[in-house]
């Protein structure tokens, strides 16, 4: 700062004014990001551009998932109010910058998960593969708006799913119960003229039928006693599913 002829207090005052005027945000201690005029009405650069800068600065592993990732793949009927990020950094509260909100969900290890790089103006945004998006949607049901929302997203995302990648991910994450729930939901969607959902459901059933499977609740957070048991999928149907489409 001496080389620029600016005192420390002067620099701090300039930064404070820029933040107050909406020209600058500080998403982490010591990190300052300029907000271009076209983004000032929103109080921040877009979440997809902010995330790579913030996560690199924090040295955090991360990927975009849930409804936010689904939207990036074209499933836009269920737009989230927050940009949903899975990371190995803990955060108690969402990060808010004007109208932009980042929701950080903790996962201990992100090692070898199937991710894709989306090009944004600030670098590369790490995004879950379509199969990992579906895994996370069913794992974090309460963060995804519930099973009806998830079914709607699935009906839009199903064309991007492959049997091979679903099975591979299930083996990697010990996700047989996930495949049971997914197959059951896809079967439901298939009864509403979704041919791809019906096709994928049959293939998943063929994959699972010779494996010893315990009964699992469709909605793990809800009571399980007294509800129908679907023998085909070894599912306890403790809630109903209706796609919004």
C-alpha atoms as a PDB file:
ATOM      1  CA  UNK A   1       0.000   0.000   0.000  1.00  0.00           C
ATOM      2  CA  UNK A   2       2.959   2.307   0.610  1.00  0.00           C
ATOM      3  CA  UNK A   3       3.955   1.939  -3.046  1.00  0.00           C
ATOM      4  CA  UNK A   4       0.482   3.149  -3.989  1.00  0.00           C
ATOM      5  CA  UNK A   5       0.620   6.029  -1.570  1.00  0.00           C
ATOM      6  CA  UNK A   6      -2.361   4.685   0.393  1.00  0.00           C
ATOM      7  CA  UNK A   7      -2.444   4.188   4.149  1.00  0.00           C
ATOM      8  CA  UNK A   8      -3.972   1.081   5.700  1.00  0.00           C
ATOM      9  CA  UNK A   9      -6.829   3.092   7.170  1.00  0.00           C
ATOM     10  CA  UNK A  10      -7.435   4.759   3.808  1.00  0.00           C
ATOM     11  CA  UNK A  11      -7.571   1.398   2.054  1.00  0.00           C
ATOM     12  CA  UNK A  12      -9.991   0.035   4.649  1.00  0.00           C
ATOM     13  CA  UNK A  13     -12.221   3.081   4.246  1.00  0.00           C
ATOM     14  CA  UNK A  14     -12.225   2.637   0.464  1.00  0.00           C
ATOM     15  CA  UNK A  15     -13.181  -1.028   0.826  1.00  0.00           C
ATOM     16  CA  UNK A  16     -15.923  -0.161   3.316  1.00  0.00           C
ATOM     17  CA  UNK A  17     -17.400   2.420   0.937  1.00  0.00           C
ATOM     18  CA  UNK A  18     -17.276  -0.004  -1.983  1.00  0.00           C
ATOM     19  CA  UNK A  19     -19.102  -2.642   0.083  1.00  0.00           C
ATOM     20  CA  UNK A  20     -21.688  -0.121   1.258  1.00  0.00           C
ATOM     21  CA  UNK A  21     -22.315   1.020  -2.320  1.00  0.00           C
ATOM     22  CA  UNK A  22     -22.720  -2.562  -3.519  1.00  0.00           C
ATOM     23  CA  UNK A  23     -19.589  -2.516  -5.653  1.00  0.00           C
ATOM     24  CA  UNK A  24     -17.777  -5.125  -3.558  1.00  0.00           C
ATOM     25  CA  UNK A  25     -18.673  -8.193  -1.511  1.00  0.00           C
ATOM     26  CA  UNK A  26     -16.560 -10.152   0.945  1.00  0.00           C
ATOM     27  CA  UNK A  27     -17.805 -13.767   1.088  1.00  0.00           C
ATOM     28  CA  UNK A  28     -14.906 -14.811   3.342  1.00  0.00           C
ATOM     29  CA  UNK A  29     -12.414 -13.017   5.546  1.00  0.00           C
ATOM     30  CA  UNK A  30      -9.746 -11.535   3.278  1.00  0.00           C
ATOM     31  CA  UNK A  31     -11.599 -12.325   0.043  1.00  0.00           C
ATOM     32  CA  UNK A  32     -13.088  -9.416  -1.898  1.00  0.00           C
ATOM     33  CA  UNK A  33     -15.019  -9.734  -5.144  1.00  0.00           C
ATOM     34  CA  UNK A  34     -16.022  -6.870  -7.424  1.00  0.00           C
ATOM     35  CA  UNK A  35     -19.704  -6.731  -8.362  1.00  0.00           C
ATOM     36  CA  UNK A  36     -20.077  -5.503 -11.977  1.00  0.00           C
ATOM     37  CA  UNK A  37     -22.839  -2.951 -12.683  1.00  0.00           C
ATOM     38  CA  UNK A  38     -25.071  -5.525 -14.385  1.00  0.00           C
ATOM     39  CA  UNK A  39     -25.154  -7.601 -11.192  1.00  0.00           C
ATOM     40  CA  UNK A  40     -25.542  -4.764  -8.653  1.00  0.00           C
ATOM     41  CA  UNK A  41     -29.357  -5.102  -8.515  1.00  0.00           C
ATOM     42  CA  UNK A  42     -28.830  -8.658  -7.227  1.00  0.00           C
ATOM     43  CA  UNK A  43     -26.182  -7.685  -4.671  1.00  0.00           C
ATOM     44  CA  UNK A  44     -23.627 -10.189  -5.968  1.00  0.00           C
ATOM     45  CA  UNK A  45     -22.262 -11.947  -8.994  1.00  0.00           C
ATOM     46  CA  UNK A  46     -24.316 -15.094  -9.825  1.00  0.00           C
ATOM     47  CA  UNK A  47     -23.976 -18.039  -7.467  1.00  0.00           C
ATOM     48  CA  UNK A  48     -22.499 -20.177 -10.239  1.00  0.00           C
ATOM     49  CA  UNK A  49     -19.673 -17.638 -10.658  1.00  0.00           C
ATOM     50  CA  UNK A  50     -19.207 -16.908  -6.963  1.00  0.00           C
ATOM     51  CA  UNK A  51     -18.912 -20.547  -5.899  1.00  0.00           C
ATOM     52  CA  UNK A  52     -15.634 -21.465  -7.686  1.00  0.00           C
ATOM     53  CA  UNK A  53     -13.916 -18.331  -6.328  1.00  0.00           C
ATOM     54  CA  UNK A  54     -15.092 -18.911  -2.769  1.00  0.00           C
ATOM     55  CA  UNK A  55     -14.327 -22.632  -2.657  1.00  0.00           C
ATOM     56  CA  UNK A  56     -10.871 -22.184  -4.135  1.00  0.00           C
ATOM     57  CA  UNK A  57     -10.123 -19.478  -1.562  1.00  0.00           C
ATOM     58  CA  UNK A  58     -11.320 -21.747   1.272  1.00  0.00           C
ATOM     59  CA  UNK A  59      -9.355 -24.735  -0.129  1.00  0.00           C
ATOM     60  CA  UNK A  60     -12.611 -26.692   0.064  1.00  0.00           C
ATOM     61  CA  UNK A  61     -13.673 -29.701  -1.965  1.00  0.00           C
ATOM     62  CA  UNK A  62     -17.199 -29.187  -3.261  1.00  0.00           C
ATOM     63  CA  UNK A  63     -19.739 -29.832  -5.952  1.00  0.00           C
ATOM     64  CA  UNK A  64     -23.111 -28.365  -6.875  1.00  0.00           C
ATOM     65  CA  UNK A  65     -25.957 -30.834  -6.391  1.00  0.00           C
ATOM     66  CA  UNK A  66     -29.635 -31.317  -5.545  1.00  0.00           C
ATOM     67  CA  UNK A  67     -32.118 -28.947  -7.186  1.00  0.00           C
ATOM     68  CA  UNK A  68     -29.398 -26.497  -8.259  1.00  0.00           C
ATOM     69  CA  UNK A  69     -27.511 -29.146 -10.229  1.00  0.00           C
ATOM     70  CA  UNK A  70     -30.750 -30.549 -11.629  1.00  0.00           C
ATOM     71  CA  UNK A  71     -31.569 -27.078 -12.966  1.00  0.00           C
ATOM     72  CA  UNK A  72     -28.176 -26.936 -14.693  1.00  0.00           C
ATOM     73  CA  UNK A  73     -29.133 -30.160 -16.488  1.00  0.00           C
ATOM     74  CA  UNK A  74     -32.443 -28.680 -17.619  1.00  0.00           C
ATOM     75  CA  UNK A  75     -34.788 -29.802 -14.828  1.00  0.00           C
ATOM     76  CA  UNK A  76     -36.147 -26.335 -14.136  1.00  0.00           C
ATOM     77  CA  UNK A  77     -39.669 -26.890 -12.792  1.00  0.00           C
ATOM     78  CA  UNK A  78     -38.404 -26.982  -9.200  1.00  0.00           C
ATOM     79  CA  UNK A  79     -36.029 -24.037  -8.898  1.00  0.00           C
ATOM     80  CA  UNK A  80     -34.374 -23.767  -5.469  1.00  0.00           C
ATOM     81  CA  UNK A  81     -34.340 -20.545  -3.473  1.00  0.00           C
ATOM     82  CA  UNK A  82     -30.698 -21.267  -2.600  1.00  0.00           C
ATOM     83  CA  UNK A  83     -27.707 -22.501  -4.580  1.00  0.00           C
ATOM     84  CA  UNK A  84     -27.091 -25.945  -3.091  1.00  0.00           C
ATOM     85  CA  UNK A  85     -23.493 -27.043  -2.607  1.00  0.00           C
ATOM     86  CA  UNK A  86     -22.092 -30.244  -1.068  1.00  0.00           C
ATOM     87  CA  UNK A  87     -18.730 -29.609   0.593  1.00  0.00           C
ATOM     88  CA  UNK A  88     -16.285 -30.994   3.138  1.00  0.00           C
ATOM     89  CA  UNK A  89     -16.311 -27.637   4.964  1.00  0.00           C
ATOM     90  CA  UNK A  90     -18.863 -27.189   7.733  1.00  0.00           C
ATOM     91  CA  UNK A  91     -21.128 -24.136   7.738  1.00  0.00           C
ATOM     92  CA  UNK A  92     -23.955 -23.535  10.191  1.00  0.00           C
ATOM     93  CA  UNK A  93     -25.825 -20.992   8.118  1.00  0.00           C
ATOM     94  CA  UNK A  94     -26.465 -20.206   4.449  1.00  0.00           C
ATOM     95  CA  UNK A  95     -24.254 -17.491   2.973  1.00  0.00           C
ATOM     96  CA  UNK A  96     -26.257 -14.513   1.711  1.00  0.00           C
ATOM     97  CA  UNK A  97     -25.104 -11.715  -0.580  1.00  0.00           C
ATOM     98  CA  UNK A  98     -28.035  -9.603  -1.688  1.00  0.00           C
ATOM     99  CA  UNK A  99     -30.427 -11.930  -3.498  1.00  0.00           C
ATOM    100  CA  UNK A 100     -27.806 -14.675  -3.853  1.00  0.00           C
ATOM    101  CA  UNK A 101     -27.855 -17.411  -1.205  1.00  0.00           C
ATOM    102  CA  UNK A 102     -25.468 -20.359  -0.962  1.00  0.00           C
ATOM    103  CA  UNK A 103     -26.596 -23.403   1.018  1.00  0.00           C
ATOM    104  CA  UNK A 104     -23.620 -25.502   2.108  1.00  0.00           C
ATOM    105  CA  UNK A 105     -24.334 -29.134   3.004  1.00  0.00           C
ATOM    106  CA  UNK A 106     -21.585 -31.088   4.739  1.00  0.00           C
ATOM    107  CA  UNK A 107     -20.251 -34.411   3.457  1.00  0.00           C
ATOM    108  CA  UNK A 108     -17.132 -35.859   5.065  1.00  0.00           C
ATOM    109  CA  UNK A 109     -15.570 -37.262   1.903  1.00  0.00           C
ATOM    110  CA  UNK A 110     -16.075 -36.295  -1.726  1.00  0.00           C
ATOM    111  CA  UNK A 111     -13.343 -38.612  -2.978  1.00  0.00           C
ATOM    112  CA  UNK A 112     -13.834 -40.183  -6.427  1.00  0.00           C
ATOM    113  CA  UNK A 113     -17.414 -38.987  -6.817  1.00  0.00           C
ATOM    114  CA  UNK A 114     -18.558 -38.538 -10.443  1.00  0.00           C
ATOM    115  CA  UNK A 115     -18.387 -34.800 -11.149  1.00  0.00           C
ATOM    116  CA  UNK A 116     -18.493 -32.655 -14.252  1.00  0.00           C
ATOM    117  CA  UNK A 117     -16.913 -29.271 -14.927  1.00  0.00           C
ATOM    118  CA  UNK A 118     -19.207 -26.514 -16.172  1.00  0.00           C
ATOM    119  CA  UNK A 119     -17.440 -23.506 -17.670  1.00  0.00           C
ATOM    120  CA  UNK A 120     -18.361 -20.174 -16.038  1.00  0.00           C
ATOM    121  CA  UNK A 121     -16.765 -16.736 -16.352  1.00  0.00           C
ATOM    122  CA  UNK A 122     -14.787 -17.239 -13.133  1.00  0.00           C
ATOM    123  CA  UNK A 123     -13.395 -20.673 -13.998  1.00  0.00           C
ATOM    124  CA  UNK A 124     -14.881 -24.142 -13.706  1.00  0.00           C
ATOM    125  CA  UNK A 125     -17.910 -25.032 -11.604  1.00  0.00           C
ATOM    126  CA  UNK A 126     -17.892 -28.588 -10.231  1.00  0.00           C
ATOM    127  CA  UNK A 127     -21.300 -30.200 -10.680  1.00  0.00           C
ATOM    128  CA  UNK A 128     -22.574 -33.645  -9.692  1.00  0.00           C
ATOM    129  CA  UNK A 129     -23.219 -36.092 -12.513  1.00  0.00           C
ATOM    130  CA  UNK A 130     -26.946 -36.689 -13.176  1.00  0.00           C
ATOM    131  CA  UNK A 131     -26.723 -40.000 -11.299  1.00  0.00           C
ATOM    132  CA  UNK A 132     -25.077 -38.367  -8.276  1.00  0.00           C
ATOM    133  CA  UNK A 133     -27.725 -35.631  -8.354  1.00  0.00           C
ATOM    134  CA  UNK A 134     -30.407 -38.311  -8.047  1.00  0.00           C
ATOM    135  CA  UNK A 135     -28.511 -40.037  -5.230  1.00  0.00           C
ATOM    136  CA  UNK A 136     -28.268 -36.763  -3.299  1.00  0.00           C
ATOM    137  CA  UNK A 137     -31.906 -35.848  -3.932  1.00  0.00           C
ATOM    138  CA  UNK A 138     -33.030 -39.069  -2.269  1.00  0.00           C
ATOM    139  CA  UNK A 139     -30.395 -38.836   0.473  1.00  0.00           C
ATOM    140  CA  UNK A 140     -31.292 -35.235   1.358  1.00  0.00           C
ATOM    141  CA  UNK A 141     -35.045 -35.482   0.795  1.00  0.00           C
ATOM    142  CA  UNK A 142     -35.882 -32.658   3.204  1.00  0.00           C
ATOM    143  CA  UNK A 143     -33.458 -30.336   1.368  1.00  0.00           C
ATOM    144  CA  UNK A 144     -35.030 -31.253  -1.954  1.00  0.00           C
ATOM    145  CA  UNK A 145     -38.622 -30.297  -1.211  1.00  0.00           C
ATOM    146  CA  UNK A 146     -39.885 -33.813  -0.488  1.00  0.00           C
ATOM    147  CA  UNK A 147     -40.625 -36.799  -2.680  1.00  0.00           C
ATOM    148  CA  UNK A 148     -43.188 -35.066  -4.912  1.00  0.00           C
ATOM    149  CA  UNK A 149     -40.595 -32.448  -5.852  1.00  0.00           C
ATOM    150  CA  UNK A 150     -38.009 -35.176  -6.355  1.00  0.00           C
ATOM    151  CA  UNK A 151     -40.369 -37.149  -8.596  1.00  0.00           C
ATOM    152  CA  UNK A 152     -40.908 -34.044 -10.719  1.00  0.00           C
ATOM    153  CA  UNK A 153     -37.158 -33.519 -11.065  1.00  0.00           C
ATOM    154  CA  UNK A 154     -36.656 -37.197 -11.905  1.00  0.00           C
ATOM    155  CA  UNK A 155     -39.247 -37.033 -14.663  1.00  0.00           C
ATOM    156  CA  UNK A 156     -37.187 -34.257 -16.282  1.00  0.00           C
ATOM    157  CA  UNK A 157     -33.773 -35.760 -15.532  1.00  0.00           C
ATOM    158  CA  UNK A 158     -34.428 -39.391 -16.418  1.00  0.00           C
ATOM    159  CA  UNK A 159     -33.287 -39.049 -20.040  1.00  0.00           C
ATOM    160  CA  UNK A 160     -29.782 -38.231 -18.784  1.00  0.00           C
ATOM    161  CA  UNK A 161     -29.482 -41.285 -16.528  1.00  0.00           C
ATOM    162  CA  UNK A 162     -27.743 -44.489 -17.579  1.00  0.00           C
ATOM    163  CA  UNK A 163     -28.158 -47.893 -15.974  1.00  0.00           C
ATOM    164  CA  UNK A 164     -24.398 -48.504 -15.953  1.00  0.00           C
ATOM    165  CA  UNK A 165     -23.613 -45.278 -14.097  1.00  0.00           C
ATOM    166  CA  UNK A 166     -26.459 -45.772 -11.609  1.00  0.00           C
ATOM    167  CA  UNK A 167     -25.256 -49.270 -10.722  1.00  0.00           C
ATOM    168  CA  UNK A 168     -21.618 -48.178 -10.558  1.00  0.00           C
ATOM    169  CA  UNK A 169     -22.479 -45.326  -8.183  1.00  0.00           C
ATOM    170  CA  UNK A 170     -24.622 -47.595  -6.017  1.00  0.00           C
ATOM    171  CA  UNK A 171     -21.728 -50.040  -5.684  1.00  0.00           C
ATOM    172  CA  UNK A 172     -19.325 -47.235  -4.844  1.00  0.00           C
ATOM    173  CA  UNK A 173     -21.593 -45.741  -2.162  1.00  0.00           C
ATOM    174  CA  UNK A 174     -23.206 -48.953  -0.864  1.00  0.00           C
ATOM    175  CA  UNK A 175     -26.490 -47.668  -2.223  1.00  0.00           C
ATOM    176  CA  UNK A 176     -28.756 -50.684  -2.741  1.00  0.00           C
ATOM    177  CA  UNK A 177     -31.507 -49.004  -0.711  1.00  0.00           C
ATOM    178  CA  UNK A 178     -31.131 -45.967  -2.950  1.00  0.00           C
ATOM    179  CA  UNK A 179     -31.637 -48.116  -6.056  1.00  0.00           C
ATOM    180  CA  UNK A 180     -34.741 -49.658  -4.473  1.00  0.00           C
ATOM    181  CA  UNK A 181     -36.286 -46.245  -3.821  1.00  0.00           C
ATOM    182  CA  UNK A 182     -35.233 -44.918  -7.210  1.00  0.00           C
ATOM    183  CA  UNK A 183     -36.605 -47.922  -9.082  1.00  0.00           C
ATOM    184  CA  UNK A 184     -39.914 -47.701  -7.238  1.00  0.00           C
ATOM    185  CA  UNK A 185     -40.291 -43.985  -8.034  1.00  0.00           C
ATOM    186  CA  UNK A 186     -39.352 -44.528 -11.678  1.00  0.00           C
ATOM    187  CA  UNK A 187     -41.953 -47.288 -11.893  1.00  0.00           C
ATOM    188  CA  UNK A 188     -44.559 -44.830 -10.597  1.00  0.00           C
ATOM    189  CA  UNK A 189     -43.469 -42.267 -13.185  1.00  0.00           C
ATOM    190  CA  UNK A 190     -43.621 -44.940 -15.871  1.00  0.00           C
ATOM    191  CA  UNK A 191     -47.346 -45.390 -15.257  1.00  0.00           C
ATOM    192  CA  UNK A 192     -47.801 -41.754 -16.355  1.00  0.00           C
ATOM    193  CA  UNK A 193     -46.557 -42.251 -19.929  1.00  0.00           C
ATOM    194  CA  UNK A 194     -42.883 -41.666 -19.114  1.00  0.00           C
ATOM    195  CA  UNK A 195     -41.410 -44.381 -21.324  1.00  0.00           C
ATOM    196  CA  UNK A 196     -37.791 -43.801 -20.308  1.00  0.00           C
ATOM    197  CA  UNK A 197     -38.699 -44.020 -16.615  1.00  0.00           C
ATOM    198  CA  UNK A 198     -40.561 -47.278 -17.212  1.00  0.00           C
ATOM    199  CA  UNK A 199     -37.659 -48.715 -19.209  1.00  0.00           C
ATOM    200  CA  UNK A 200     -35.044 -47.787 -16.609  1.00  0.00           C
ATOM    201  CA  UNK A 201     -37.238 -49.063 -13.785  1.00  0.00           C
ATOM    202  CA  UNK A 202     -37.478 -52.503 -15.424  1.00  0.00           C
ATOM    203  CA  UNK A 203     -33.711 -52.648 -15.898  1.00  0.00           C
ATOM    204  CA  UNK A 204     -33.090 -51.714 -12.263  1.00  0.00           C
ATOM    205  CA  UNK A 205     -35.553 -54.359 -11.123  1.00  0.00           C
ATOM    206  CA  UNK A 206     -33.768 -56.962 -13.237  1.00  0.00           C
ATOM    207  CA  UNK A 207     -30.471 -55.917 -11.635  1.00  0.00           C
ATOM    208  CA  UNK A 208     -31.827 -56.153  -8.080  1.00  0.00           C
ATOM    209  CA  UNK A 209     -34.127 -59.170  -8.268  1.00  0.00           C
ATOM    210  CA  UNK A 210     -31.507 -61.812  -7.434  1.00  0.00           C
ATOM    211  CA  UNK A 211     -30.005 -59.857  -4.528  1.00  0.00           C
ATOM    212  CA  UNK A 212     -30.968 -60.242  -0.848  1.00  0.00           C
ATOM    213  CA  UNK A 213     -32.639 -56.950   0.042  1.00  0.00           C
ATOM    214  CA  UNK A 214     -34.160 -55.821   3.340  1.00  0.00           C
ATOM    215  CA  UNK A 215     -37.334 -53.754   3.293  1.00  0.00           C
ATOM    216  CA  UNK A 216     -36.571 -50.030   3.303  1.00  0.00           C
ATOM    217  CA  UNK A 217     -38.903 -47.096   3.871  1.00  0.00           C
ATOM    218  CA  UNK A 218     -39.650 -44.905   0.890  1.00  0.00           C
ATOM    219  CA  UNK A 219     -39.368 -41.884   3.207  1.00  0.00           C
ATOM    220  CA  UNK A 220     -36.821 -42.831   5.907  1.00  0.00           C
ATOM    221  CA  UNK A 221     -37.746 -39.890   8.152  1.00  0.00           C
ATOM    222  CA  UNK A 222     -41.425 -40.952   8.450  1.00  0.00           C
ATOM    223  CA  UNK A 223     -42.970 -43.756  10.578  1.00  0.00           C
ATOM    224  CA  UNK A 224     -42.692 -47.200   9.004  1.00  0.00           C
ATOM    225  CA  UNK A 225     -45.225 -49.337  10.877  1.00  0.00           C
ATOM    226  CA  UNK A 226     -48.635 -50.065   9.409  1.00  0.00           C
ATOM    227  CA  UNK A 227     -47.857 -49.180   5.799  1.00  0.00           C
ATOM    228  CA  UNK A 228     -48.054 -51.385   2.681  1.00  0.00           C
ATOM    229  CA  UNK A 229     -44.996 -53.417   1.770  1.00  0.00           C
ATOM    230  CA  UNK A 230     -44.217 -53.585  -1.934  1.00  0.00           C
ATOM    231  CA  UNK A 231     -42.616 -56.984  -2.413  1.00  0.00           C
ATOM    232  CA  UNK A 232     -41.275 -56.224  -5.896  1.00  0.00           C
ATOM    233  CA  UNK A 233     -38.941 -53.498  -4.656  1.00  0.00           C
ATOM    234  CA  UNK A 234     -38.848 -54.455  -0.952  1.00  0.00           C
ATOM    235  CA  UNK A 235     -40.209 -50.981  -0.229  1.00  0.00           C
ATOM    236  CA  UNK A 236     -42.339 -49.811   2.707  1.00  0.00           C
ATOM    237  CA  UNK A 237     -44.673 -47.342   0.999  1.00  0.00           C
ATOM    238  CA  UNK A 238     -45.001 -44.934   3.930  1.00  0.00           C
ATOM    239  CA  UNK A 239     -45.885 -41.938   1.756  1.00  0.00           C
ATOM    240  CA  UNK A 240     -47.495 -41.232  -1.591  1.00  0.00           C
ATOM    241  CA  UNK A 241     -45.795 -39.814  -4.670  1.00  0.00           C
ATOM    242  CA  UNK A 242     -47.196 -37.493  -7.299  1.00  0.00           C
ATOM    243  CA  UNK A 243     -45.124 -35.684  -9.889  1.00  0.00           C
ATOM    244  CA  UNK A 244     -46.097 -32.057 -10.453  1.00  0.00           C
ATOM    245  CA  UNK A 245     -45.833 -32.545 -14.235  1.00  0.00           C
END
